[in-house]
Amino acid sequence: MKQFTDIQSTMISNVMYDTQTKTFYVHKKNDQQYAFFDVPEFIYVSFMSSNDKDEYFLSEIKDKFREKKLSS
């Protein structure tokens, strides 16, 4: 099973990307978990290499892809 990767962010604790399903999993610091569907791999790679992951997430991922809240 794939593992979550801890990241430097003020709002996100860790993330995981499934290359087979193109699903991007986000675990926020407030313990909410989300899955974003049909996220191209280049978006994940760009997110991971961005200097400001919060800004990248809000501008390029949030509200751009179908999402499902997994837990609160």
Protein backbone atom coordinates (compact mmCIF):
# COMPACT_ATOMS: atom_id res chain seq x y z
CA MET A 1 0.00 0.00 0.00
CA LYS A 2 1.17 3.51 -0.75
CA GLN A 3 2.26 5.73 2.11
CA PHE A 4 1.40 9.32 2.91
CA THR A 5 4.25 11.82 2.59
CA ASP A 6 4.64 14.55 5.21
CA ILE A 7 4.98 18.03 3.73
CA GLN A 8 5.86 21.55 4.86
CA SER A 9 2.56 23.42 4.88
CA THR A 10 0.48 25.49 7.28
CA MET A 11 -2.77 23.69 6.41
CA ILE A 12 -1.81 20.24 5.08
CA SER A 13 -0.10 17.50 7.12
CA ASN A 14 0.57 14.92 4.43
CA VAL A 15 -0.44 13.75 0.98
CA MET A 16 -0.49 10.65 -1.18
CA TYR A 17 -0.94 10.19 -4.92
CA ASP A 18 -2.18 7.01 -6.58
CA THR A 19 -0.80 6.92 -10.13
CA GLN A 20 -3.15 4.13 -11.22
CA THR A 21 -6.37 5.89 -10.25
CA LYS A 22 -5.02 9.47 -10.50
CA THR A 23 -6.37 10.15 -7.02
CA PHE A 24 -4.67 12.76 -4.83
CA TYR A 25 -5.26 12.26 -1.10
CA VAL A 26 -4.88 15.20 1.27
CA HIS A 27 -4.79 15.01 5.06
CA LYS A 28 -5.24 18.49 6.49
CA LYS A 29 -3.86 19.60 9.85
CA ASN A 30 -7.42 19.86 11.20
CA ASP A 31 -7.70 16.05 10.68
CA GLN A 32 -9.98 16.34 7.65
CA GLN A 33 -9.08 13.98 4.82
CA TYR A 34 -10.03 14.47 1.18
CA ALA A 35 -9.64 12.60 -2.07
CA PHE A 36 -9.35 14.54 -5.34
CA PHE A 37 -10.12 12.53 -8.46
CA ASP A 38 -8.67 12.52 -11.98
CA VAL A 39 -5.70 14.66 -10.97
CA PRO A 40 -2.98 14.48 -13.64
CA GLU A 41 0.39 13.30 -12.36
CA PHE A 42 2.05 16.56 -13.46
CA ILE A 43 -0.23 18.46 -11.03
CA TYR A 44 0.95 16.25 -8.17
CA VAL A 45 4.60 16.63 -9.21
CA SER A 46 4.19 20.41 -9.48
CA PHE A 47 2.51 20.52 -6.08
CA MET A 48 5.33 18.55 -4.46
CA SER A 49 7.99 20.80 -5.99
CA SER A 50 6.22 24.09 -5.25
CA ASN A 51 7.67 26.44 -2.66
CA ASP A 52 4.24 27.37 -1.30
CA LYS A 53 2.15 24.21 -1.15
CA ASP A 54 -0.84 25.97 0.43
CA GLU A 55 -1.01 28.49 -2.39
CA TYR A 56 -0.55 25.81 -5.05
CA PHE A 57 -3.24 23.63 -3.49
CA LEU A 58 -5.74 26.50 -3.29
CA SER A 59 -5.05 27.82 -6.80
CA GLU A 60 -4.51 24.59 -8.77
CA ILE A 61 -6.29 21.74 -6.96
CA LYS A 62 -9.07 22.88 -4.61
CA ASP A 63 -12.34 23.39 -6.52
CA LYS A 64 -10.62 22.32 -9.77
CA PHE A 65 -11.12 18.55 -9.39
CA ARG A 66 -13.99 16.45 -8.10
CA GLU A 67 -13.42 15.88 -4.41
CA LYS A 68 -14.81 13.75 -1.62
CA LYS A 69 -14.41 14.32 2.09
CA LEU A 70 -13.21 11.04 3.60
CA SER A 71 -13.24 11.94 7.30
CA SER A 72 -13.43 14.85 9.70
